[in-house]
Protein backbone atom coordinates (compact mmCIF):
# COMPACT_ATOMS: atom_id res chain seq x y z
CA MET A 1 -171.77 71.39 24.13
CA ASN A 2 -172.73 71.49 20.46
CA LEU A 3 -173.24 75.09 19.28
CA ALA A 4 -175.09 73.94 16.14
CA ILE A 5 -177.69 72.21 18.32
CA VAL A 6 -177.86 75.24 20.63
CA GLY A 7 -178.54 77.47 17.62
CA ALA A 8 -181.14 75.14 16.09
CA VAL A 9 -182.98 74.75 19.39
CA PHE A 10 -182.80 78.50 20.03
CA ALA A 11 -184.43 79.23 16.65
CA VAL A 12 -187.27 76.72 17.11
CA ILE A 13 -188.06 77.66 20.71
CA PHE A 14 -187.72 81.41 20.12
CA VAL A 15 -190.14 81.38 17.18
CA GLY A 16 -192.52 79.15 19.15
CA GLU A 17 -192.44 81.44 22.19
CA LEU A 18 -192.77 84.85 20.50
CA PRO A 19 -196.56 85.20 20.40
CA ASP A 20 -197.08 82.78 23.30
CA LYS A 21 -199.34 83.36 26.31
CA THR A 22 -196.33 83.40 28.64
CA MET A 23 -194.79 86.24 26.64
CA LEU A 24 -198.07 88.14 26.87
CA ALA A 25 -198.21 87.42 30.62
CA SER A 26 -194.71 88.87 31.00
CA LEU A 27 -195.82 91.96 29.08
CA VAL A 28 -198.88 92.47 31.30
CA LEU A 29 -196.89 91.86 34.49
CA SER A 30 -194.25 94.38 33.41
CA THR A 31 -196.93 97.10 33.41
CA ARG A 32 -197.40 96.46 37.16
CA GLY A 33 -193.77 96.57 38.25
CA ARG A 34 -190.18 96.81 37.21
CA PRO A 35 -189.42 94.93 33.99
CA ALA A 36 -186.22 93.51 35.55
CA ALA A 37 -188.22 91.92 38.40
CA VAL A 38 -190.67 90.39 35.91
CA TRP A 39 -187.80 89.07 33.80
CA LEU A 40 -186.02 87.52 36.81
CA GLY A 41 -189.17 85.71 37.94
CA SER A 42 -189.91 84.53 34.39
CA ALA A 43 -186.30 83.48 33.79
CA ALA A 44 -186.26 81.32 36.93
CA ALA A 45 -189.54 79.63 35.94
CA PHE A 46 -188.21 78.93 32.44
CA VAL A 47 -185.06 77.29 33.83
CA VAL A 48 -187.14 74.94 35.99
CA HIS A 49 -189.33 73.98 33.03
CA VAL A 50 -186.39 73.43 30.68
CA VAL A 51 -184.72 71.13 33.22
CA ILE A 52 -187.95 69.13 33.53
CA ALA A 53 -188.46 68.99 29.75
CA THR A 54 -184.90 67.97 28.86
CA THR A 55 -184.90 65.33 31.60
CA LEU A 56 -188.14 63.84 30.27
CA GLY A 57 -186.81 63.96 26.71
CA THR A 58 -183.58 62.23 27.71
CA VAL A 59 -185.40 59.54 29.71
CA LEU A 60 -187.72 58.96 26.77
CA PHE A 61 -184.70 58.36 24.52
CA ARG A 62 -183.12 55.90 26.98
CA LEU A 63 -186.30 53.87 27.53
CA LEU A 64 -187.61 53.53 23.99
CA PRO A 65 -186.05 51.99 20.88
CA PRO A 66 -184.77 54.51 18.27
CA HIS A 67 -187.61 53.95 15.77
CA VAL A 68 -190.21 54.57 18.49
CA VAL A 69 -188.37 57.73 19.60
CA ASP A 70 -188.37 58.94 15.98
CA ALA A 71 -192.11 58.28 15.75
CA VAL A 72 -192.77 60.13 19.03
CA VAL A 73 -190.56 63.04 17.93
CA ALA A 74 -192.39 63.29 14.59
CA VAL A 75 -195.81 63.14 16.26
CA ILE A 76 -194.87 65.85 18.77
CA PHE A 77 -193.54 68.12 16.00
CA LEU A 78 -196.73 67.58 13.99
CA ALA A 79 -198.87 68.10 17.11
CA GLY A 80 -196.92 71.29 17.79
CA ALA A 81 -197.70 72.43 14.25
CA GLY A 82 -201.37 71.74 14.93
CA ILE A 83 -201.28 73.65 18.22
CA ALA A 84 -199.55 76.62 16.56
CA ALA A 85 -202.12 76.61 13.74
CA ALA A 86 -205.00 76.46 16.25
CA GLU A 87 -203.48 79.37 18.19
CA ALA A 88 -203.17 81.36 14.95
CA ILE A 89 -206.87 80.78 14.28
CA ARG A 90 -207.80 81.76 17.84
CA GLU A 91 -205.59 84.87 17.66
CA HIS A 92 -207.19 85.85 14.35
CA ARG A 93 -210.68 85.56 15.89
CA HIS A 94 -209.74 87.72 18.90
CA ARG A 95 -208.25 90.61 16.93
CA GLY A 96 -209.53 94.00 17.91
CA GLU A 97 -210.54 93.09 21.48
CA PRO A 98 -209.68 95.76 24.08
CA GLU A 99 -206.47 95.49 26.12
CA PRO A 100 -206.71 94.81 29.87
CA PRO A 101 -206.88 97.92 32.09
CA GLU A 102 -203.73 99.28 33.77
CA VAL A 103 -203.18 98.45 37.45
CA PRO A 104 -201.03 100.22 40.06
CA PRO A 105 -197.36 99.14 40.38
CA SER A 106 -196.43 96.34 42.82
CA PRO A 107 -193.21 95.93 44.88
CA PRO A 108 -190.33 94.28 42.90
CA GLY A 109 -190.09 91.20 45.13
CA ARG A 110 -193.78 90.46 44.88
CA ILE A 111 -193.85 91.01 41.12
CA ALA A 112 -190.87 88.65 40.63
CA LEU A 113 -192.63 85.96 42.69
CA THR A 114 -195.87 86.58 40.80
CA ALA A 115 -194.03 86.35 37.46
CA PHE A 116 -192.37 83.08 38.52
CA THR A 117 -195.71 81.59 39.61
CA VAL A 118 -197.64 82.73 36.54
CA ILE A 119 -195.00 81.55 34.07
CA PHE A 120 -194.35 78.31 35.95
CA LEU A 121 -198.05 77.40 35.86
CA ALA A 122 -198.65 78.64 32.32
CA GLU A 123 -195.76 76.65 30.83
CA TRP A 124 -197.06 73.21 31.89
CA GLY A 125 -197.87 71.34 28.70
CA ASP A 126 -197.07 74.45 26.65
CA LEU A 127 -195.85 74.15 23.08
CA THR A 128 -192.29 75.21 23.95
CA GLN A 129 -192.07 72.77 26.87
CA LEU A 130 -193.19 69.90 24.62
CA LEU A 131 -190.78 71.03 21.91
CA THR A 132 -187.90 71.16 24.39
CA ALA A 133 -188.60 67.59 25.55
CA ASN A 134 -188.93 66.53 21.94
CA LEU A 135 -185.66 68.17 20.91
CA ALA A 136 -183.85 66.59 23.87
CA ALA A 137 -185.08 63.17 22.72
CA HIS A 138 -184.18 63.93 19.11
CA TYR A 139 -180.68 65.35 19.58
CA HIS A 140 -179.57 63.17 22.52
CA ASP A 141 -177.71 66.19 23.93
CA PRO A 142 -179.64 67.58 26.91
CA LEU A 143 -177.08 70.25 27.79
CA SER A 144 -177.08 71.78 24.30
CA VAL A 145 -180.86 71.56 24.05
CA ALA A 146 -181.35 73.07 27.52
CA THR A 147 -178.91 75.89 26.74
CA GLY A 148 -180.63 76.76 23.46
CA ALA A 149 -184.10 76.56 25.00
CA VAL A 150 -183.23 78.66 28.06
CA LEU A 151 -181.53 81.33 25.94
CA ALA A 152 -184.53 81.46 23.59
CA LEU A 153 -187.04 81.71 26.44
CA TRP A 154 -184.97 84.34 28.25
CA THR A 155 -184.66 86.36 25.04
CA ALA A 156 -188.40 86.20 24.34
CA SER A 157 -189.13 87.22 27.93
CA ALA A 158 -186.66 90.12 27.73
CA ILE A 159 -188.34 91.32 24.54
CA ALA A 160 -191.74 91.10 26.23
CA VAL A 161 -190.80 93.08 29.32
CA THR A 162 -188.75 95.75 27.52
CA SER A 163 -190.56 96.32 24.26
CA GLY A 164 -193.67 94.19 24.35
CA ARG A 165 -196.11 96.97 23.55
CA TRP A 166 -194.09 98.05 20.53
CA LEU A 167 -193.71 94.44 19.35
CA ALA A 168 -197.45 93.83 19.66
CA ARG A 169 -198.09 96.79 17.33
CA VAL A 170 -195.40 95.80 14.78
CA ALA A 171 -195.43 91.98 14.66
CA ASP A 172 -198.43 90.06 13.40
CA ALA A 173 -199.05 87.30 15.95
CA VAL A 174 -201.17 85.30 13.49
CA LEU A 175 -198.39 85.34 10.88
CA ILE A 176 -195.81 84.29 13.48
CA ARG A 177 -198.05 81.39 14.58
CA VAL A 178 -198.56 80.28 10.97
CA LEU A 179 -194.80 80.39 10.33
CA THR A 180 -194.27 78.37 13.54
CA ALA A 181 -196.81 75.77 12.35
CA VAL A 182 -195.08 75.50 8.95
CA LEU A 183 -191.64 75.17 10.58
CA LEU A 184 -192.83 72.46 12.99
CA ALA A 185 -194.66 70.56 10.25
CA GLY A 186 -191.46 70.69 8.18
CA LEU A 187 -189.42 69.36 11.10
CA GLY A 188 -191.94 66.57 11.65
CA GLY A 189 -191.79 65.64 7.98
CA TYR A 190 -188.00 65.70 8.06
CA VAL A 191 -187.88 63.35 11.06
CA ILE A 192 -190.26 60.94 9.29
CA TRP A 193 -188.21 61.09 6.09
CA THR A 194 -184.88 60.44 7.89
CA ALA A 195 -186.43 57.61 9.93
CA LEU A 196 -187.67 55.91 6.75
CA SER A 197 -184.41 56.44 4.84
């Protein structure tokens, strides 16, 4: 396992996940039950998605020639930048809307299963899933990529269920999305530059 790759993947996925809909879903679910149950359900769903994403990324690398993989990686990074920018615009437009009403607590087992289902469904085609597949294709090290991605997703989920309300008041989701877009655009440009060098 390459710790440099783990760290790089962690940083990209963590920043991409912070203001994400799955983090917000974890926050809302944690108001209905124990945060630990929400985190366990979310964590299990993230592991399944990371395994799928790294497998697809690795298969992509094995099937396509290197210059095509570089092109796909660059396009996905640039598309991710576009998605993050679009989400920043959408978030900016929805500022000031009321929060959803509180609901009574649910049993821990049911809330863990609900969290797994919600996160599992919400992550399909999500920015972080695409980035994980992309990073697996780029680095050719699925174990390091999967480790970094899982740790980033687990950390973001833990933040959501333990201090999500505080984070929502302190962190500017639009700014985080803009920074994510800039980071992904920079990574896309870097991949293009190294491919042409």
